[in-house]
C-alpha atoms as a PDB file:
ATOM      1  CA  MET A   1     -50.573   4.691 -21.674  1.00  0.00           C
ATOM      2  CA  ASN A   2     -52.085   7.253 -22.929  1.00  0.00           C
ATOM      3  CA  LYS A   3     -51.421   8.021 -26.625  1.00  0.00           C
ATOM      4  CA  PHE A   4     -50.218  11.575 -27.632  1.00  0.00           C
ATOM      5  CA  THR A   5     -52.326  14.106 -29.052  1.00  0.00           C
ATOM      6  CA  HIS A   6     -51.029  15.555 -31.326  1.00  0.00           C
ATOM      7  CA  ILE A   7     -49.394  12.479 -33.308  1.00  0.00           C
ATOM      8  CA  GLY A   8     -50.974  11.157 -36.550  1.00  0.00           C
ATOM      9  CA  GLU A   9     -52.089   7.721 -37.236  1.00  0.00           C
ATOM     10  CA  LYS A  10     -48.889   8.020 -39.026  1.00  0.00           C
ATOM     11  CA  ASN A  11     -46.614   9.185 -35.888  1.00  0.00           C
ATOM     12  CA  GLN A  12     -46.801  12.899 -37.290  1.00  0.00           C
ATOM     13  CA  PRO A  13     -47.583  15.956 -35.533  1.00  0.00           C
ATOM     14  CA  LYS A  14     -51.348  17.209 -36.387  1.00  0.00           C
ATOM     15  CA  MET A  15     -53.796  20.088 -34.626  1.00  0.00           C
ATOM     16  CA  VAL A  16     -55.947  18.230 -32.267  1.00  0.00           C
ATOM     17  CA  ASN A  17     -59.299  18.651 -34.133  1.00  0.00           C
ATOM     18  CA  VAL A  18     -61.750  20.191 -31.013  1.00  0.00           C
ATOM     19  CA  GLY A  19     -65.145  20.623 -34.408  1.00  0.00           C
ATOM     20  CA  ASP A  20     -66.921  18.105 -31.896  1.00  0.00           C
ATOM     21  CA  LYS A  21     -66.105  19.742 -27.858  1.00  0.00           C
ATOM     22  CA  LYS A  22     -68.991  21.007 -25.736  1.00  0.00           C
ATOM     23  CA  ILE A  23     -68.435  24.389 -25.281  1.00  0.00           C
ATOM     24  CA  THR A  24     -67.466  25.621 -21.263  1.00  0.00           C
ATOM     25  CA  LYS A  25     -66.283  27.843 -19.062  1.00  0.00           C
ATOM     26  CA  ARG A  26     -62.854  27.203 -18.484  1.00  0.00           C
ATOM     27  CA  SER A  27     -60.226  28.361 -16.273  1.00  0.00           C
ATOM     28  CA  ALA A  28     -56.143  28.051 -15.508  1.00  0.00           C
ATOM     29  CA  THR A  29     -53.959  29.519 -13.098  1.00  0.00           C
ATOM     30  CA  ALA A  30     -50.362  29.571 -13.591  1.00  0.00           C
ATOM     31  CA  VAL A  31     -47.681  31.126 -10.949  1.00  0.00           C
ATOM     32  CA  ALA A  32     -43.899  31.771 -11.244  1.00  0.00           C
ATOM     33  CA  THR A  33     -41.786  32.508  -8.205  1.00  0.00           C
ATOM     34  CA  MET A  34     -38.895  34.445  -9.258  1.00  0.00           C
ATOM     35  CA  PHE A  35     -35.836  35.334  -6.646  1.00  0.00           C
ATOM     36  CA  LEU A  36     -35.168  39.640  -7.684  1.00  0.00           C
ATOM     37  CA  GLY A  37     -32.276  39.562  -5.086  1.00  0.00           C
ATOM     38  CA  THR A  38     -32.370  42.830  -2.400  1.00  0.00           C
ATOM     39  CA  GLU A  39     -30.573  45.093  -4.203  1.00  0.00           C
ATOM     40  CA  ILE A  40     -33.868  45.595  -6.484  1.00  0.00           C
ATOM     41  CA  ILE A  41     -36.381  44.731  -3.993  1.00  0.00           C
ATOM     42  CA  SER A  42     -35.395  47.406  -1.874  1.00  0.00           C
ATOM     43  CA  ASN A  43     -35.792  50.146  -5.157  1.00  0.00           C
ATOM     44  CA  PHE A  44     -39.259  49.617  -4.002  1.00  0.00           C
ATOM     45  CA  GLU A  45     -41.717  52.192  -3.393  1.00  0.00           C
ATOM     46  CA  GLY A  46     -44.139  50.409  -2.105  1.00  0.00           C
ATOM     47  CA  ASP A  47     -45.603  47.844  -4.475  1.00  0.00           C
ATOM     48  CA  GLU A  48     -44.012  49.215  -7.512  1.00  0.00           C
ATOM     49  CA  LEU A  49     -40.337  50.543  -9.314  1.00  0.00           C
ATOM     50  CA  VAL A  50     -40.847  53.401 -11.120  1.00  0.00           C
ATOM     51  CA  THR A  51     -36.924  52.960 -13.911  1.00  0.00           C
ATOM     52  CA  LYS A  52     -36.651  54.911 -17.186  1.00  0.00           C
ATOM     53  CA  LYS A  53     -38.171  51.897 -18.461  1.00  0.00           C
ATOM     54  CA  GLY A  54     -41.581  52.792 -16.449  1.00  0.00           C
ATOM     55  CA  PRO A  55     -43.007  51.166 -13.291  1.00  0.00           C
ATOM     56  CA  VAL A  56     -42.185  47.425 -13.386  1.00  0.00           C
ATOM     57  CA  PHE A  57     -45.377  46.132 -11.985  1.00  0.00           C
ATOM     58  CA  GLN A  58     -47.980  47.203 -14.299  1.00  0.00           C
ATOM     59  CA  THR A  59     -45.619  47.212 -17.858  1.00  0.00           C
ATOM     60  CA  ALA A  60     -44.641  43.397 -16.884  1.00  0.00           C
ATOM     61  CA  ILE A  61     -48.842  42.872 -16.181  1.00  0.00           C
ATOM     62  CA  ILE A  62     -49.358  44.517 -19.627  1.00  0.00           C
ATOM     63  CA  ALA A  63     -46.607  42.435 -21.171  1.00  0.00           C
ATOM     64  CA  GLY A  64     -47.879  39.232 -19.670  1.00  0.00           C
ATOM     65  CA  ILE A  65     -51.384  39.826 -21.126  1.00  0.00           C
ATOM     66  CA  GLN A  66     -50.760  40.502 -24.903  1.00  0.00           C
ATOM     67  CA  ALA A  67     -48.886  37.346 -24.334  1.00  0.00           C
ATOM     68  CA  VAL A  68     -51.508  35.397 -23.456  1.00  0.00           C
ATOM     69  CA  LYS A  69     -53.903  36.083 -26.518  1.00  0.00           C
ATOM     70  CA  LYS A  70     -50.547  35.545 -28.194  1.00  0.00           C
ATOM     71  CA  THR A  71     -50.179  32.164 -27.133  1.00  0.00           C
ATOM     72  CA  SER A  72     -51.199  30.385 -30.199  1.00  0.00           C
ATOM     73  CA  GLU A  73     -49.013  32.128 -32.274  1.00  0.00           C
ATOM     74  CA  LEU A  74     -45.515  31.168 -29.824  1.00  0.00           C
ATOM     75  CA  ILE A  75     -46.369  27.243 -29.202  1.00  0.00           C
ATOM     76  CA  PRO A  76     -47.416  25.529 -32.270  1.00  0.00           C
ATOM     77  CA  MET A  77     -50.229  23.373 -31.149  1.00  0.00           C
ATOM     78  CA  CYS A  78     -51.822  25.969 -29.424  1.00  0.00           C
ATOM     79  CA  HIS A  79     -55.666  26.636 -30.859  1.00  0.00           C
ATOM     80  CA  PRO A  80     -56.277  30.441 -31.112  1.00  0.00           C
ATOM     81  CA  LEU A  81     -58.937  31.440 -28.690  1.00  0.00           C
ATOM     82  CA  LEU A  82     -61.083  34.321 -27.727  1.00  0.00           C
ATOM     83  CA  ILE A  83     -60.590  35.238 -24.462  1.00  0.00           C
ATOM     84  CA  ASN A  84     -62.660  36.397 -21.521  1.00  0.00           C
ATOM     85  CA  GLY A  85     -60.270  37.748 -19.178  1.00  0.00           C
ATOM     86  CA  VAL A  86     -56.787  38.072 -17.566  1.00  0.00           C
ATOM     87  CA  ASP A  87     -55.799  38.320 -13.969  1.00  0.00           C
ATOM     88  CA  ILE A  88     -51.887  38.913 -12.977  1.00  0.00           C
ATOM     89  CA  THR A  89     -50.980  39.942 -10.264  1.00  0.00           C
ATOM     90  CA  ILE A  90     -46.894  40.323  -8.496  1.00  0.00           C
ATOM     91  CA  ASP A  91     -46.484  40.699  -4.678  1.00  0.00           C
ATOM     92  CA  ILE A  92     -43.364  40.644  -3.113  1.00  0.00           C
ATOM     93  CA  ILE A  93     -43.253  37.356  -0.778  1.00  0.00           C
ATOM     94  CA  ASN A  94     -39.874  38.817   1.327  1.00  0.00           C
ATOM     95  CA  LEU A  95     -36.523  40.576   0.896  1.00  0.00           C
ATOM     96  CA  THR A  96     -35.621  38.523  -1.934  1.00  0.00           C
ATOM     97  CA  HIS A  97     -38.327  37.065  -4.322  1.00  0.00           C
ATOM     98  CA  ILE A  98     -41.805  37.623  -5.375  1.00  0.00           C
ATOM     99  CA  LYS A  99     -44.594  35.796  -7.145  1.00  0.00           C
ATOM    100  CA  ILE A 100     -46.649  35.931  -9.988  1.00  0.00           C
ATOM    101  CA  LEU A 101     -50.143  34.675 -10.397  1.00  0.00           C
ATOM    102  CA  CYS A 102     -52.003  34.964 -13.593  1.00  0.00           C
ATOM    103  CA  SER A 103     -55.622  33.721 -13.951  1.00  0.00           C
ATOM    104  CA  VAL A 104     -57.317  33.298 -17.705  1.00  0.00           C
ATOM    105  CA  HIS A 105     -60.971  32.419 -18.266  1.00  0.00           C
ATOM    106  CA  ILE A 106     -62.582  31.404 -21.472  1.00  0.00           C
ATOM    107  CA  GLU A 107     -65.482  29.810 -22.915  1.00  0.00           C
ATOM    108  CA  GLY A 108     -64.148  27.474 -24.955  1.00  0.00           C
ATOM    109  CA  LYS A 109     -63.847  23.827 -26.530  1.00  0.00           C
ATOM    110  CA  THR A 110     -60.503  23.514 -25.293  1.00  0.00           C
ATOM    111  CA  GLY A 111     -57.873  24.710 -21.771  1.00  0.00           C
ATOM    112  CA  VAL A 112     -56.286  27.773 -21.471  1.00  0.00           C
ATOM    113  CA  GLU A 113     -53.611  26.824 -19.458  1.00  0.00           C
ATOM    114  CA  MET A 114     -50.840  27.513 -22.360  1.00  0.00           C
ATOM    115  CA  GLU A 115     -52.100  30.630 -22.245  1.00  0.00           C
ATOM    116  CA  ALA A 116     -51.429  31.462 -18.128  1.00  0.00           C
ATOM    117  CA  LEU A 117     -48.444  29.563 -18.162  1.00  0.00           C
ATOM    118  CA  THR A 118     -47.016  31.466 -21.283  1.00  0.00           C
ATOM    119  CA  GLY A 119     -48.392  34.950 -19.727  1.00  0.00           C
ATOM    120  CA  VAL A 120     -46.860  34.101 -15.973  1.00  0.00           C
ATOM    121  CA  ASN A 121     -43.040  33.577 -18.192  1.00  0.00           C
ATOM    122  CA  ILE A 122     -43.011  36.647 -20.082  1.00  0.00           C
ATOM    123  CA  THR A 123     -44.539  38.737 -16.769  1.00  0.00           C
ATOM    124  CA  ALA A 124     -41.485  36.989 -15.037  1.00  0.00           C
ATOM    125  CA  LEU A 125     -39.042  37.853 -18.528  1.00  0.00           C
ATOM    126  CA  THR A 126     -40.501  41.664 -18.588  1.00  0.00           C
ATOM    127  CA  ILE A 127     -39.266  41.464 -14.986  1.00  0.00           C
ATOM    128  CA  TYR A 128     -36.346  40.591 -15.204  1.00  0.00           C
ATOM    129  CA  ASP A 129     -35.487  42.583 -18.787  1.00  0.00           C
ATOM    130  CA  MET A 130     -36.901  45.600 -16.587  1.00  0.00           C
ATOM    131  CA  CYS A 131     -34.111  45.516 -13.896  1.00  0.00           C
ATOM    132  CA  LYS A 132     -31.602  44.059 -14.957  1.00  0.00           C
ATOM    133  CA  ALA A 133     -29.677  46.822 -14.878  1.00  0.00           C
ATOM    134  CA  ILE A 134     -29.975  47.759 -11.329  1.00  0.00           C
ATOM    135  CA  SER A 135     -28.702  43.743 -11.061  1.00  0.00           C
ATOM    136  CA  GLN A 136     -28.611  39.819 -13.109  1.00  0.00           C
ATOM    137  CA  GLU A 137     -28.423  37.929 -10.973  1.00  0.00           C
ATOM    138  CA  MET A 138     -32.481  37.197 -11.523  1.00  0.00           C
ATOM    139  CA  VAL A 139     -33.554  33.985 -11.620  1.00  0.00           C
ATOM    140  CA  ILE A 140     -37.159  32.377 -12.325  1.00  0.00           C
ATOM    141  CA  GLU A 141     -36.697  30.093 -10.071  1.00  0.00           C
ATOM    142  CA  GLU A 142     -40.358  27.777 -10.376  1.00  0.00           C
ATOM    143  CA  VAL A 143     -43.333  27.834 -13.390  1.00  0.00           C
ATOM    144  CA  LYS A 144     -45.878  25.944 -12.735  1.00  0.00           C
ATOM    145  CA  LEU A 145     -49.755  25.348 -13.606  1.00  0.00           C
ATOM    146  CA  LEU A 146     -51.693  25.459  -9.803  1.00  0.00           C
ATOM    147  CA  LYS A 147     -54.725  24.767 -11.098  1.00  0.00           C
ATOM    148  CA  LYS A 148     -57.306  24.516 -14.447  1.00  0.00           C
ATOM    149  CA  SER A 149     -61.066  23.836 -15.076  1.00  0.00           C
ATOM    150  CA  GLY A 150     -63.350  23.300 -17.612  1.00  0.00           C
ATOM    151  CA  GLY A 151     -63.378  19.898 -20.084  1.00  0.00           C
ATOM    152  CA  LYS A 152     -62.428  16.479 -18.583  1.00  0.00           C
ATOM    153  CA  SER A 153     -61.009  16.999 -15.982  1.00  0.00           C
ATOM    154  CA  ASP A 154     -60.066  19.613 -13.124  1.00  0.00           C
ATOM    155  CA  ILE A 155     -56.880  19.782 -11.772  1.00  0.00           C
ATOM    156  CA  ASN A 156     -55.616  21.581  -8.106  1.00  0.00           C
ATOM    157  CA  LEU A 157     -52.166  21.930  -6.486  1.00  0.00           C
ATOM    158  CA  SER A 158     -51.964  24.574  -4.827  1.00  0.00           C
END
């Protein structure tokens, strides 16, 4: 069985020392599927919904990017990282659902899976916040890591 890397010899939490790791190009992509419902999606004009709070998708993407940059402040064992780039896309996939993708890129000693997952979650939560006046029946249905590259192992679940 794998030993948890965030537990020290005395069974107490610790932050993993990445000092001896090589700097490599790393990336991760996470996805969220979200039920908005026809009531909300019917209010969209093209690919955007403009509310009194502003354009929903554009605002949510900015919130997701901010969240990526603050991941180490939110999740105790995450290392602060110098982020090279963040790409967040939101697509309406049918009359009731949207898909959010968040890809994060760095050159560093540790991966960016948590940053991608944080970005996609905060993007979805921002959409919820901005659309809740129309309907509170929204559901963030699935959030998962799709792929990661760099470091010890590459993963592709897409």
